Amino acid sequence: MQGGSLTERRKAATRLDIARTAAALFVEHGLRTTRAEDIARAAGVAPRTFYRYFATKEEAVAPLLAAGAQQWAEAVRDAPGALSLPNAMRHAAARALVPASGDTAAAESLEWVRSLLRMAADSPTLRSVWNDACHESEATLATVLAARAGLPDGADLLDIRLTAGVASAAVRVAVEAWAASDAPADGPLGPAALAARCLTSAEGALRGV
C-alpha cells in the first residue's frame, strides 16, 4: 500500500515535470511548432513515456493548469472555520493566486498559465484542457463546501453545487481577465484582487450555503 502511494507520487511528479517543460517550450517556441517529441526530449523521457501520460501535446500542460485551479479550492478548505463562506473564499484567493515572496517557481508557473490561456484563445484543444481543469476544481470545491457545511453523505447537494459553480466561475473569469492583460500578479489588477472583486459581486449567491 505504501509502495503504491509512492508510485503514484512519482507518477504525479513526472506528469508535472513534463507539464512544466511543455509550458516552457510552448512559451518559447509557440504551440504550433512544438511537437510532443520535443517535449519528451526536453523532459528527459522517451516519446512512449510521454504518450503513456498524455494523448496530445496540449494535454501535457493539464497537470500545471489543474494544480493552479485546485490550489484555490484547497485553500478554501484550509481557510479559518470562523470566516463566513464569502470571506473564506476571498481569503483563499489572496493566498492561492499570489506567489509568496521569493517563490520564483510559483511566479513562473503563474506566468505560464497567463501565456497558456492566451494561446487557448486560438486552440480549441488547449481551451478544452483549461475547461477540464476548471471543472475538476469546481468538483473539489463542492466537496470542500459540503464538509464546511457539515453535510452528511447522501445529503441534497444542489445548493452546494450551485455555490461551487458560481464561485468557480467568478475565479475563472478573474484569472482569464488577468491573463488577457499585462498586469503583474500582485496589485489591484492581479488575479487575487480580481477574484476578490468577482466573488464580492457574486456574494449574494455564495451566502446561500
N, C-alpha and C. Protein backbone atom coordinates (compact mmCIF):
# COMPACT_ATOMS: atom_id res chain seq x y z
N MET A 1 0.83 -1.19 0.00
CA MET A 1 0.00 0.00 0.00
C MET A 1 0.87 1.25 0.00
N GLN A 2 1.88 1.25 0.85
CA GLN A 2 2.77 2.38 0.94
C GLN A 2 3.56 2.54 -0.35
N GLY A 3 4.01 1.37 -0.93
CA GLY A 3 4.73 1.43 -2.18
C GLY A 3 3.88 1.99 -3.30
N GLY A 4 2.59 1.57 -3.34
CA GLY A 4 1.68 2.10 -4.35
C GLY A 4 1.53 3.59 -4.23
N SER A 5 1.45 4.09 -3.02
CA SER A 5 1.32 5.52 -2.80
C SER A 5 2.55 6.25 -3.31
N LEU A 6 3.73 5.67 -3.06
CA LEU A 6 4.97 6.28 -3.53
C LEU A 6 5.00 6.29 -5.06
N THR A 7 4.53 5.20 -5.67
CA THR A 7 4.49 5.12 -7.13
C THR A 7 3.59 6.20 -7.71
N GLU A 8 2.44 6.40 -7.08
CA GLU A 8 1.53 7.43 -7.57
C GLU A 8 2.13 8.81 -7.43
N ARG A 9 2.86 9.03 -6.34
CA ARG A 9 3.51 10.34 -6.16
C ARG A 9 4.58 10.55 -7.22
N ARG A 10 5.30 9.50 -7.55
CA ARG A 10 6.33 9.61 -8.58
C ARG A 10 5.70 9.89 -9.94
N LYS A 11 4.60 9.21 -10.24
CA LYS A 11 3.90 9.45 -11.50
C LYS A 11 3.41 10.89 -11.58
N ALA A 12 2.86 11.37 -10.48
CA ALA A 12 2.36 12.75 -10.44
C ALA A 12 3.50 13.74 -10.64
N ALA A 13 4.65 13.45 -10.02
CA ALA A 13 5.82 14.32 -10.17
C ALA A 13 6.31 14.33 -11.61
N THR A 14 6.30 13.16 -12.24
CA THR A 14 6.73 13.07 -13.64
C THR A 14 5.78 13.84 -14.53
N ARG A 15 4.49 13.69 -14.30
CA ARG A 15 3.49 14.40 -15.09
C ARG A 15 3.67 15.92 -14.95
N LEU A 16 3.90 16.38 -13.73
CA LEU A 16 4.06 17.81 -13.52
C LEU A 16 5.35 18.32 -14.15
N ASP A 17 6.40 17.51 -14.10
CA ASP A 17 7.67 17.91 -14.72
C ASP A 17 7.50 18.04 -16.23
N ILE A 18 6.80 17.09 -16.83
CA ILE A 18 6.52 17.16 -18.26
C ILE A 18 5.67 18.39 -18.57
N ALA A 19 4.70 18.66 -17.70
CA ALA A 19 3.81 19.81 -17.91
C ALA A 19 4.60 21.12 -17.89
N ARG A 20 5.51 21.26 -16.93
CA ARG A 20 6.32 22.48 -16.85
C ARG A 20 7.22 22.60 -18.09
N THR A 21 7.77 21.49 -18.53
CA THR A 21 8.61 21.50 -19.72
C THR A 21 7.80 21.92 -20.94
N ALA A 22 6.60 21.34 -21.07
CA ALA A 22 5.73 21.68 -22.21
C ALA A 22 5.37 23.15 -22.20
N ALA A 23 5.02 23.68 -21.03
CA ALA A 23 4.65 25.09 -20.94
C ALA A 23 5.80 25.99 -21.35
N ALA A 24 7.00 25.65 -20.88
CA ALA A 24 8.18 26.46 -21.22
C ALA A 24 8.44 26.44 -22.72
N LEU A 25 8.29 25.27 -23.35
CA LEU A 25 8.52 25.17 -24.79
C LEU A 25 7.44 25.89 -25.58
N PHE A 26 6.19 25.78 -25.12
CA PHE A 26 5.11 26.48 -25.81
C PHE A 26 5.35 27.99 -25.78
N VAL A 27 5.78 28.49 -24.63
CA VAL A 27 6.02 29.92 -24.49
C VAL A 27 7.22 30.35 -25.34
N GLU A 28 8.25 29.53 -25.36
CA GLU A 28 9.47 29.90 -26.08
C GLU A 28 9.34 29.74 -27.59
N HIS A 29 8.72 28.63 -28.03
CA HIS A 29 8.70 28.32 -29.45
C HIS A 29 7.32 28.41 -30.10
N GLY A 30 6.28 28.52 -29.28
CA GLY A 30 4.94 28.55 -29.84
C GLY A 30 4.28 27.19 -29.79
N LEU A 31 2.97 27.20 -29.71
CA LEU A 31 2.22 25.96 -29.59
C LEU A 31 2.28 25.14 -30.87
N ARG A 32 2.18 25.80 -32.00
CA ARG A 32 2.10 25.08 -33.28
C ARG A 32 3.41 24.40 -33.65
N THR A 33 4.52 25.04 -33.34
CA THR A 33 5.81 24.49 -33.79
C THR A 33 6.40 23.48 -32.82
N THR A 34 5.85 23.40 -31.62
CA THR A 34 6.37 22.45 -30.62
C THR A 34 5.69 21.10 -30.80
N ARG A 35 6.48 20.06 -30.91
CA ARG A 35 5.94 18.71 -31.07
C ARG A 35 5.99 17.95 -29.74
N ALA A 36 5.19 16.91 -29.66
CA ALA A 36 5.21 16.07 -28.46
C ALA A 36 6.59 15.47 -28.25
N GLU A 37 7.26 15.12 -29.35
CA GLU A 37 8.61 14.55 -29.26
C GLU A 37 9.61 15.57 -28.69
N ASP A 38 9.40 16.84 -29.03
CA ASP A 38 10.26 17.89 -28.48
C ASP A 38 10.11 17.99 -26.96
N ILE A 39 8.86 17.89 -26.53
CA ILE A 39 8.59 17.96 -25.09
C ILE A 39 9.21 16.78 -24.37
N ALA A 40 9.04 15.58 -24.94
CA ALA A 40 9.59 14.37 -24.33
C ALA A 40 11.11 14.47 -24.20
N ARG A 41 11.76 14.91 -25.27
CA ARG A 41 13.21 15.01 -25.25
C ARG A 41 13.68 16.03 -24.21
N ALA A 42 13.02 17.19 -24.17
CA ALA A 42 13.42 18.22 -23.21
C ALA A 42 13.15 17.79 -21.77
N ALA A 43 12.12 16.95 -21.57
CA ALA A 43 11.79 16.48 -20.22
C ALA A 43 12.62 15.27 -19.81
N GLY A 44 13.40 14.73 -20.77
CA GLY A 44 14.25 13.59 -20.44
C GLY A 44 13.51 12.27 -20.36
N VAL A 45 12.40 12.15 -21.13
CA VAL A 45 11.66 10.89 -21.16
C VAL A 45 11.52 10.44 -22.60
N ALA A 46 11.24 9.16 -22.77
CA ALA A 46 11.04 8.62 -24.11
C ALA A 46 9.67 9.04 -24.63
N PRO A 47 9.52 9.17 -25.96
CA PRO A 47 8.20 9.52 -26.50
C PRO A 47 7.11 8.57 -26.05
N ARG A 48 7.43 7.28 -25.94
CA ARG A 48 6.40 6.33 -25.50
C ARG A 48 5.96 6.62 -24.06
N THR A 49 6.89 7.12 -23.24
CA THR A 49 6.53 7.51 -21.88
C THR A 49 5.61 8.72 -21.90
N PHE A 50 5.93 9.67 -22.76
CA PHE A 50 5.07 10.85 -22.91
C PHE A 50 3.64 10.43 -23.24
N TYR A 51 3.50 9.55 -24.25
CA TYR A 51 2.17 9.15 -24.69
C TYR A 51 1.49 8.21 -23.69
N ARG A 52 2.24 7.67 -22.77
CA ARG A 52 1.63 6.88 -21.70
C ARG A 52 0.84 7.82 -20.76
N TYR A 53 1.33 9.06 -20.63
CA TYR A 53 0.68 10.02 -19.74
C TYR A 53 -0.30 10.94 -20.46
N PHE A 54 0.01 11.29 -21.71
CA PHE A 54 -0.80 12.30 -22.41
C PHE A 54 -1.09 11.85 -23.84
N ALA A 55 -2.31 12.13 -24.28
CA ALA A 55 -2.71 11.75 -25.64
C ALA A 55 -2.24 12.76 -26.68
N THR A 56 -2.14 14.03 -26.28
CA THR A 56 -1.73 15.09 -27.20
C THR A 56 -0.74 16.01 -26.51
N LYS A 57 -0.06 16.83 -27.30
CA LYS A 57 0.90 17.78 -26.72
C LYS A 57 0.17 18.82 -25.87
N GLU A 58 -1.05 19.21 -26.27
CA GLU A 58 -1.80 20.20 -25.48
C GLU A 58 -2.17 19.65 -24.10
N GLU A 59 -2.49 18.37 -24.05
CA GLU A 59 -2.85 17.76 -22.77
C GLU A 59 -1.68 17.70 -21.81
N ALA A 60 -0.46 17.88 -22.33
CA ALA A 60 0.72 17.80 -21.47
C ALA A 60 0.72 18.88 -20.41
N VAL A 61 0.06 20.02 -20.66
CA VAL A 61 0.05 21.10 -19.66
C VAL A 61 -1.11 20.96 -18.68
N ALA A 62 -1.92 19.92 -18.82
CA ALA A 62 -3.06 19.74 -17.94
C ALA A 62 -2.69 19.72 -16.45
N PRO A 63 -1.62 19.00 -16.05
CA PRO A 63 -1.27 19.00 -14.63
C PRO A 63 -0.93 20.38 -14.09
N LEU A 64 -0.31 21.22 -14.93
CA LEU A 64 0.04 22.57 -14.50
C LEU A 64 -1.20 23.43 -14.30
N LEU A 65 -2.11 23.38 -15.26
CA LEU A 65 -3.36 24.14 -15.14
C LEU A 65 -4.22 23.60 -14.00
N ALA A 66 -4.25 22.27 -13.87
CA ALA A 66 -5.06 21.66 -12.81
C ALA A 66 -4.52 22.02 -11.44
N ALA A 67 -3.18 22.03 -11.30
CA ALA A 67 -2.58 22.35 -10.00
C ALA A 67 -2.95 23.76 -9.56
N GLY A 68 -2.93 24.70 -10.51
CA GLY A 68 -3.30 26.06 -10.18
C GLY A 68 -4.77 26.18 -9.80
N ALA A 69 -5.63 25.51 -10.56
CA ALA A 69 -7.06 25.56 -10.28
C ALA A 69 -7.40 24.89 -8.95
N GLN A 70 -6.75 23.76 -8.67
CA GLN A 70 -7.03 23.02 -7.43
C GLN A 70 -6.50 23.77 -6.21
N GLN A 71 -5.46 24.55 -6.40
CA GLN A 71 -4.83 25.23 -5.26
C GLN A 71 -5.83 26.15 -4.56
N TRP A 72 -6.65 26.83 -5.35
CA TRP A 72 -7.63 27.73 -4.74
C TRP A 72 -8.69 26.94 -3.96
N ALA A 73 -9.20 25.86 -4.54
CA ALA A 73 -10.20 25.04 -3.85
C ALA A 73 -9.64 24.49 -2.54
N GLU A 74 -8.39 24.06 -2.57
CA GLU A 74 -7.77 23.54 -1.35
C GLU A 74 -7.55 24.65 -0.32
N ALA A 75 -7.28 25.87 -0.81
CA ALA A 75 -7.11 26.99 0.12
C ALA A 75 -8.42 27.33 0.82
N VAL A 76 -9.55 27.11 0.15
CA VAL A 76 -10.84 27.30 0.81
C VAL A 76 -11.00 26.29 1.94
N ARG A 77 -10.54 25.07 1.70
CA ARG A 77 -10.60 24.03 2.73
C ARG A 77 -9.79 24.44 3.97
N ASP A 78 -8.66 25.10 3.74
CA ASP A 78 -7.76 25.45 4.83
C ASP A 78 -8.10 26.80 5.47
N ALA A 79 -9.06 27.52 4.92
CA ALA A 79 -9.42 28.83 5.48
C ALA A 79 -10.01 28.66 6.88
N PRO A 80 -9.77 29.61 7.78
CA PRO A 80 -10.31 29.51 9.15
C PRO A 80 -11.82 29.26 9.16
N GLY A 81 -12.24 28.32 9.98
CA GLY A 81 -13.65 27.95 10.02
C GLY A 81 -14.55 29.07 10.51
N ALA A 82 -13.99 30.04 11.23
CA ALA A 82 -14.80 31.14 11.75
C ALA A 82 -15.21 32.13 10.66
N LEU A 83 -14.54 32.08 9.51
CA LEU A 83 -14.87 33.01 8.43
C LEU A 83 -16.18 32.62 7.75
N SER A 84 -16.95 33.62 7.33
CA SER A 84 -18.11 33.33 6.51
C SER A 84 -17.63 32.76 5.19
N LEU A 85 -18.52 32.11 4.45
CA LEU A 85 -18.10 31.50 3.20
C LEU A 85 -17.52 32.51 2.21
N PRO A 86 -18.20 33.66 1.98
CA PRO A 86 -17.59 34.63 1.06
C PRO A 86 -16.22 35.10 1.52
N ASN A 87 -16.05 35.33 2.81
CA ASN A 87 -14.75 35.76 3.32
C ASN A 87 -13.72 34.65 3.23
N ALA A 88 -14.15 33.41 3.43
CA ALA A 88 -13.22 32.28 3.30
C ALA A 88 -12.71 32.16 1.87
N MET A 89 -13.58 32.43 0.91
CA MET A 89 -13.18 32.35 -0.49
C MET A 89 -12.23 33.48 -0.87
N ARG A 90 -12.50 34.67 -0.37
CA ARG A 90 -11.57 35.78 -0.65
C ARG A 90 -10.23 35.54 0.04
N HIS A 91 -10.30 35.00 1.25
CA HIS A 91 -9.08 34.64 1.99
C HIS A 91 -8.26 33.64 1.18
N ALA A 92 -8.95 32.65 0.60
CA ALA A 92 -8.27 31.62 -0.17
C ALA A 92 -7.65 32.21 -1.44
N ALA A 93 -8.37 33.12 -2.08
CA ALA A 93 -7.86 33.73 -3.31
C ALA A 93 -6.59 34.52 -3.04
N ALA A 94 -6.57 35.22 -1.90
CA ALA A 94 -5.39 36.03 -1.55
C ALA A 94 -4.17 35.16 -1.34
N ARG A 95 -4.36 33.91 -0.95
CA ARG A 95 -3.24 33.02 -0.67
C ARG A 95 -2.87 32.12 -1.85
N ALA A 96 -3.85 31.80 -2.67
CA ALA A 96 -3.58 30.85 -3.76
C ALA A 96 -3.22 31.52 -5.08
N LEU A 97 -3.62 32.77 -5.26
CA LEU A 97 -3.45 33.42 -6.57
C LEU A 97 -2.36 34.48 -6.58
N VAL A 98 -1.61 34.58 -5.50
CA VAL A 98 -0.46 35.49 -5.46
C VAL A 98 0.76 34.69 -5.01
N PRO A 99 1.81 34.63 -5.81
CA PRO A 99 3.00 33.88 -5.39
C PRO A 99 3.60 34.47 -4.12
N ALA A 100 4.02 33.61 -3.21
CA ALA A 100 4.67 34.08 -2.00
C ALA A 100 5.97 34.77 -2.35
N SER A 101 6.37 35.72 -1.53
CA SER A 101 7.60 36.46 -1.77
C SER A 101 8.79 35.49 -1.86
N GLY A 102 9.52 35.59 -2.95
CA GLY A 102 10.68 34.73 -3.13
C GLY A 102 10.38 33.38 -3.76
N ASP A 103 9.10 33.07 -3.98
CA ASP A 103 8.74 31.78 -4.58
C ASP A 103 8.78 31.93 -6.10
N THR A 104 9.95 31.81 -6.67
CA THR A 104 10.12 32.03 -8.10
C THR A 104 9.42 30.97 -8.94
N ALA A 105 9.36 29.74 -8.42
CA ALA A 105 8.70 28.67 -9.16
C ALA A 105 7.21 28.96 -9.33
N ALA A 106 6.57 29.43 -8.23
CA ALA A 106 5.15 29.75 -8.30
C ALA A 106 4.89 30.93 -9.22
N ALA A 107 5.77 31.93 -9.16
CA ALA A 107 5.62 33.09 -10.03
C ALA A 107 5.77 32.69 -11.49
N GLU A 108 6.73 31.81 -11.77
CA GLU A 108 6.94 31.34 -13.13
C GLU A 108 5.73 30.55 -13.62
N SER A 109 5.20 29.69 -12.76
CA SER A 109 4.03 28.89 -13.13
C SER A 109 2.84 29.77 -13.46
N LEU A 110 2.65 30.83 -12.68
CA LEU A 110 1.53 31.74 -12.92
C LEU A 110 1.69 32.46 -14.26
N GLU A 111 2.91 32.83 -14.59
CA GLU A 111 3.14 33.48 -15.88
C GLU A 111 2.93 32.48 -17.02
N TRP A 112 3.28 31.22 -16.79
CA TRP A 112 3.00 30.20 -17.80
C TRP A 112 1.50 30.06 -18.01
N VAL A 113 0.74 30.08 -16.92
CA VAL A 113 -0.71 30.00 -17.03
C VAL A 113 -1.24 31.15 -17.87
N ARG A 114 -0.70 32.36 -17.63
CA ARG A 114 -1.13 33.51 -18.42
C ARG A 114 -0.90 33.26 -19.91
N SER A 115 0.31 32.79 -20.24
CA SER A 115 0.63 32.55 -21.64
C SER A 115 -0.24 31.44 -22.24
N LEU A 116 -0.47 30.38 -21.47
CA LEU A 116 -1.27 29.27 -21.96
C LEU A 116 -2.71 29.69 -22.21
N LEU A 117 -3.27 30.53 -21.34
CA LEU A 117 -4.64 30.98 -21.54
C LEU A 117 -4.74 31.88 -22.77
N ARG A 118 -3.71 32.64 -23.04
CA ARG A 118 -3.70 33.44 -24.26
C ARG A 118 -3.66 32.53 -25.49
N MET A 119 -2.85 31.49 -25.42
CA MET A 119 -2.78 30.55 -26.54
C MET A 119 -4.11 29.82 -26.73
N ALA A 120 -4.81 29.58 -25.63
CA ALA A 120 -6.07 28.83 -25.69
C ALA A 120 -7.12 29.54 -26.52
N ALA A 121 -6.98 30.85 -26.68
CA ALA A 121 -7.94 31.60 -27.49
C ALA A 121 -7.95 31.11 -28.93
N ASP A 122 -6.82 30.58 -29.40
CA ASP A 122 -6.71 30.09 -30.78
C ASP A 122 -6.56 28.58 -30.86
N SER A 123 -6.72 27.91 -29.73
CA SER A 123 -6.54 26.46 -29.71
C SER A 123 -7.70 25.79 -28.98
N PRO A 124 -8.68 25.23 -29.70
CA PRO A 124 -9.80 24.55 -29.04
C PRO A 124 -9.34 23.42 -28.12
N THR A 125 -8.27 22.72 -28.50
CA THR A 125 -7.79 21.61 -27.66
C THR A 125 -7.25 22.12 -26.34
N LEU A 126 -6.46 23.18 -26.40
CA LEU A 126 -5.91 23.76 -25.17
C LEU A 126 -7.02 24.38 -24.32
N ARG A 127 -8.00 24.98 -24.98
CA ARG A 127 -9.14 25.55 -24.26
C ARG A 127 -9.91 24.44 -23.54
N SER A 128 -10.03 23.29 -24.17
CA SER A 128 -10.71 22.16 -23.54
C SER A 128 -9.95 21.67 -22.31
N VAL A 129 -8.62 21.68 -22.39
CA VAL A 129 -7.79 21.29 -21.24
C VAL A 129 -8.04 22.24 -20.07
N TRP A 130 -8.10 23.53 -20.34
CA TRP A 130 -8.38 24.53 -19.31
C TRP A 130 -9.78 24.34 -18.71
N ASN A 131 -10.75 24.10 -19.57
CA ASN A 131 -12.12 23.89 -19.08
C ASN A 131 -12.21 22.65 -18.19
N ASP A 132 -11.50 21.60 -18.57
CA ASP A 132 -11.49 20.38 -17.75
C ASP A 132 -10.87 20.66 -16.38
N ALA A 133 -9.79 21.45 -16.36
CA ALA A 133 -9.13 21.78 -15.09
C ALA A 133 -10.08 22.57 -14.19
N CYS A 134 -10.82 23.50 -14.78
CA CYS A 134 -11.77 24.29 -14.01
C CYS A 134 -12.91 23.43 -13.48
N HIS A 135 -13.36 22.49 -14.30
CA HIS A 135 -14.46 21.61 -13.87
C HIS A 135 -14.02 20.71 -12.71
N GLU A 136 -12.80 20.20 -12.79
CA GLU A 136 -12.29 19.36 -11.70
C GLU A 136 -12.14 20.17 -10.41
N SER A 137 -11.68 21.42 -10.55
CA SER A 137 -11.55 22.28 -9.39
C SER A 137 -12.91 22.57 -8.77
N GLU A 138 -13.91 22.77 -9.61
CA GLU A 138 -15.27 23.01 -9.12
C GLU A 138 -15.79 21.81 -8.33
N ALA A 139 -15.50 20.60 -8.83
CA ALA A 139 -15.92 19.39 -8.11
C ALA A 139 -15.24 19.30 -6.75
N THR A 140 -13.94 19.64 -6.71
CA THR A 140 -13.22 19.66 -5.44
C THR A 140 -13.83 20.67 -4.49
N LEU A 141 -14.14 21.85 -5.02
CA LEU A 141 -14.72 22.90 -4.19
C LEU A 141 -16.06 22.47 -3.62
N ALA A 142 -16.87 21.77 -4.41
CA ALA A 142 -18.16 21.30 -3.92
C ALA A 142 -17.97 20.36 -2.72
N THR A 143 -16.96 19.49 -2.80
CA THR A 143 -16.67 18.59 -1.69
C THR A 143 -16.23 19.38 -0.46
N VAL A 144 -15.40 20.40 -0.68
CA VAL A 144 -14.93 21.25 0.41
C VAL A 144 -16.09 21.98 1.07
N LEU A 145 -16.99 22.52 0.26
CA LEU A 145 -18.13 23.27 0.80
C LEU A 145 -19.07 22.36 1.59
N ALA A 146 -19.27 21.14 1.10
CA ALA A 146 -20.12 20.20 1.82
C ALA A 146 -19.53 19.89 3.19
N ALA A 147 -18.20 19.73 3.24
CA ALA A 147 -17.54 19.46 4.51
C ALA A 147 -17.63 20.66 5.45
N ARG A 148 -17.44 21.87 4.92
CA ARG A 148 -17.54 23.07 5.75
C ARG A 148 -18.95 23.26 6.30
N ALA A 149 -19.94 22.83 5.51
CA ALA A 149 -21.33 22.96 5.95
C ALA A 149 -21.75 21.81 6.86
N GLY A 150 -20.88 20.80 7.03
CA GLY A 150 -21.19 19.68 7.89
C GLY A 150 -22.29 18.80 7.36
N LEU A 151 -22.42 18.72 6.04
CA LEU A 151 -23.49 17.92 5.45
C LEU A 151 -23.14 16.44 5.48
N PRO A 152 -24.08 15.58 5.81
CA PRO A 152 -23.81 14.14 5.84
C PRO A 152 -23.81 13.57 4.43
N ASP A 153 -23.24 12.38 4.29
CA ASP A 153 -23.26 11.70 3.00
C ASP A 153 -24.70 11.47 2.57
N GLY A 154 -24.97 11.68 1.30
CA GLY A 154 -26.31 11.47 0.79
C GLY A 154 -27.20 12.69 0.89
N ALA A 155 -26.69 13.79 1.43
CA ALA A 155 -27.50 15.00 1.56
C ALA A 155 -27.72 15.61 0.18
N ASP A 156 -28.79 16.41 0.06
CA ASP A 156 -29.07 17.11 -1.20
C ASP A 156 -28.00 18.17 -1.41
N LEU A 157 -27.22 18.02 -2.48
CA LEU A 157 -26.09 18.90 -2.71
C LEU A 157 -26.35 19.94 -3.80
N LEU A 158 -27.61 20.15 -4.16
CA LEU A 158 -27.89 21.09 -5.24
C LEU A 158 -27.38 22.49 -4.92
N ASP A 159 -27.69 22.99 -3.72
CA ASP A 159 -27.22 24.33 -3.34
C ASP A 159 -25.70 24.38 -3.28
N ILE A 160 -25.09 23.30 -2.79
CA ILE A 160 -23.63 23.24 -2.72
C ILE A 160 -23.04 23.30 -4.12
N ARG A 161 -23.57 22.53 -5.03
CA ARG A 161 -23.04 22.50 -6.40
C ARG A 161 -23.24 23.85 -7.09
N LEU A 162 -24.40 24.48 -6.84
CA LEU A 162 -24.64 25.80 -7.42
C LEU A 162 -23.64 26.82 -6.89
N THR A 163 -23.41 26.79 -5.58
CA THR A 163 -22.46 27.72 -4.98
C THR A 163 -21.06 27.49 -5.50
N ALA A 164 -20.66 26.22 -5.61
CA ALA A 164 -19.33 25.89 -6.15
C ALA A 164 -19.21 26.36 -7.59
N GLY A 165 -20.29 26.21 -8.36
CA GLY A 165 -20.26 26.65 -9.75
C GLY A 165 -20.13 28.15 -9.88
N VAL A 166 -20.88 28.89 -9.05
CA VAL A 166 -20.81 30.35 -9.09
C VAL A 166 -19.42 30.84 -8.68
N ALA A 167 -18.91 30.28 -7.58
CA ALA A 167 -17.60 30.71 -7.07
C ALA A 167 -16.49 30.36 -8.06
N SER A 168 -16.55 29.17 -8.61
CA SER A 168 -15.52 28.75 -9.57
C SER A 168 -15.55 29.62 -10.82
N ALA A 169 -16.75 29.95 -11.27
CA ALA A 169 -16.87 30.82 -12.44
C ALA A 169 -16.29 32.20 -12.14
N ALA A 170 -16.53 32.71 -10.94
CA ALA A 170 -16.01 34.02 -10.55
C ALA A 170 -14.49 34.04 -10.59
N VAL A 171 -13.88 33.00 -10.06
CA VAL A 171 -12.42 32.94 -10.04
C VAL A 171 -11.87 32.70 -11.45
N ARG A 172 -12.54 31.86 -12.22
CA ARG A 172 -12.09 31.61 -13.60
C ARG A 172 -12.11 32.90 -14.41
N VAL A 173 -13.20 33.66 -14.30
CA VAL A 173 -13.29 34.93 -15.04
C VAL A 173 -12.17 35.87 -14.62
N ALA A 174 -11.88 35.91 -13.32
CA ALA A 174 -10.81 36.79 -12.81
C ALA A 174 -9.46 36.39 -13.39
N VAL A 175 -9.15 35.10 -13.37
CA VAL A 175 -7.86 34.63 -13.88
C VAL A 175 -7.76 34.89 -15.37
N GLU A 176 -8.84 34.64 -16.10
CA GLU A 176 -8.80 34.87 -17.55
C GLU A 176 -8.66 36.35 -17.87
N ALA A 177 -9.33 37.21 -17.09
CA ALA A 177 -9.20 38.65 -17.32
C ALA A 177 -7.78 39.12 -17.05
N TRP A 178 -7.18 38.60 -15.98
CA TRP A 178 -5.79 38.95 -15.69
C TRP A 178 -4.86 38.45 -16.80
N ALA A 179 -5.09 37.22 -17.26
CA ALA A 179 -4.23 36.63 -18.29
C ALA A 179 -4.28 37.44 -19.58
N ALA A 180 -5.42 38.05 -19.86
CA ALA A 180 -5.56 38.84 -21.09
C ALA A 180 -4.89 40.20 -20.98
N SER A 181 -4.49 40.58 -19.76
CA SER A 181 -3.86 41.88 -19.53
C SER A 181 -2.35 41.71 -19.36
N ASP A 182 -1.68 42.83 -19.14
CA ASP A 182 -0.25 42.80 -18.85
C ASP A 182 0.02 43.16 -17.39
N ALA A 183 -1.01 43.08 -16.54
CA ALA A 183 -0.87 43.46 -15.14
C ALA A 183 0.00 42.46 -14.40
N PRO A 184 0.75 42.92 -13.40
CA PRO A 184 1.54 41.99 -12.59
C PRO A 184 0.63 41.08 -11.77
N ALA A 185 1.22 40.01 -11.22
CA ALA A 185 0.43 39.04 -10.47
C ALA A 185 -0.09 39.59 -9.15
N ASP A 186 0.62 40.59 -8.59
CA ASP A 186 0.12 41.21 -7.36
C ASP A 186 -0.42 42.59 -7.71
N GLY A 187 -1.05 43.23 -6.74
CA GLY A 187 -1.59 44.55 -7.00
C GLY A 187 -3.07 44.51 -7.34
N PRO A 188 -3.68 45.67 -7.58
CA PRO A 188 -5.14 45.76 -7.75
C PRO A 188 -5.68 45.12 -9.01
N LEU A 189 -4.81 44.83 -9.97
CA LEU A 189 -5.26 44.19 -11.21
C LEU A 189 -4.73 42.77 -11.34
N GLY A 190 -4.18 42.23 -10.25
CA GLY A 190 -3.70 40.86 -10.25
C GLY A 190 -4.84 39.87 -10.11
N PRO A 191 -4.59 38.57 -10.31
CA PRO A 191 -5.67 37.58 -10.27
C PRO A 191 -6.37 37.50 -8.92
N ALA A 192 -5.63 37.66 -7.82
CA ALA A 192 -6.25 37.58 -6.49
C ALA A 192 -7.20 38.76 -6.27
N ALA A 193 -6.76 39.96 -6.65
CA ALA A 193 -7.60 41.14 -6.47
C ALA A 193 -8.84 41.06 -7.35
N LEU A 194 -8.66 40.62 -8.59
CA LEU A 194 -9.81 40.49 -9.48
C LEU A 194 -10.76 39.40 -8.99
N ALA A 195 -10.20 38.32 -8.46
CA ALA A 195 -11.04 37.25 -7.91
C ALA A 195 -11.86 37.76 -6.74
N ALA A 196 -11.25 38.57 -5.88
CA ALA A 196 -11.98 39.14 -4.74
C ALA A 196 -13.13 40.00 -5.23
N ARG A 197 -12.89 40.78 -6.27
CA ARG A 197 -13.96 41.62 -6.83
C ARG A 197 -15.09 40.77 -7.39
N CYS A 198 -14.74 39.74 -8.14
CA CYS A 198 -15.76 38.87 -8.73
C CYS A 198 -16.54 38.12 -7.65
N LEU A 199 -15.84 37.65 -6.63
CA LEU A 199 -16.51 36.94 -5.54
C LEU A 199 -17.44 37.87 -4.77
N THR A 200 -17.03 39.12 -4.61
CA THR A 200 -17.89 40.09 -3.93
C THR A 200 -19.15 40.35 -4.75
N SER A 201 -19.01 40.43 -6.07
CA SER A 201 -20.17 40.63 -6.94
C SER A 201 -21.14 39.46 -6.85
N ALA A 202 -20.59 38.26 -6.60
CA ALA A 202 -21.43 37.06 -6.53
C ALA A 202 -21.81 36.70 -5.10
N GLU A 203 -21.57 37.62 -4.16
CA GLU A 203 -21.71 37.28 -2.74
C GLU A 203 -23.10 36.84 -2.37
N GLY A 204 -24.13 37.41 -3.01
CA GLY A 204 -25.49 37.02 -2.69
C GLY A 204 -25.71 35.54 -2.89
N ALA A 205 -25.19 35.01 -3.99
CA ALA A 205 -25.34 33.58 -4.26
C ALA A 205 -24.49 32.74 -3.32
N LEU A 206 -23.32 33.26 -2.93
CA LEU A 206 -22.43 32.50 -2.07
C LEU A 206 -22.97 32.37 -0.65
N ARG A 207 -23.79 33.33 -0.23
CA ARG A 207 -24.34 33.25 1.13
C ARG A 207 -25.42 32.18 1.25
N GLY A 208 -25.85 31.61 0.13
CA GLY A 208 -26.89 30.60 0.17
C GLY A 208 -26.50 29.39 0.98
N VAL A 209 -25.22 29.05 0.97
CA VAL A 209 -24.74 27.88 1.74
C VAL A 209 -24.31 28.34 3.11
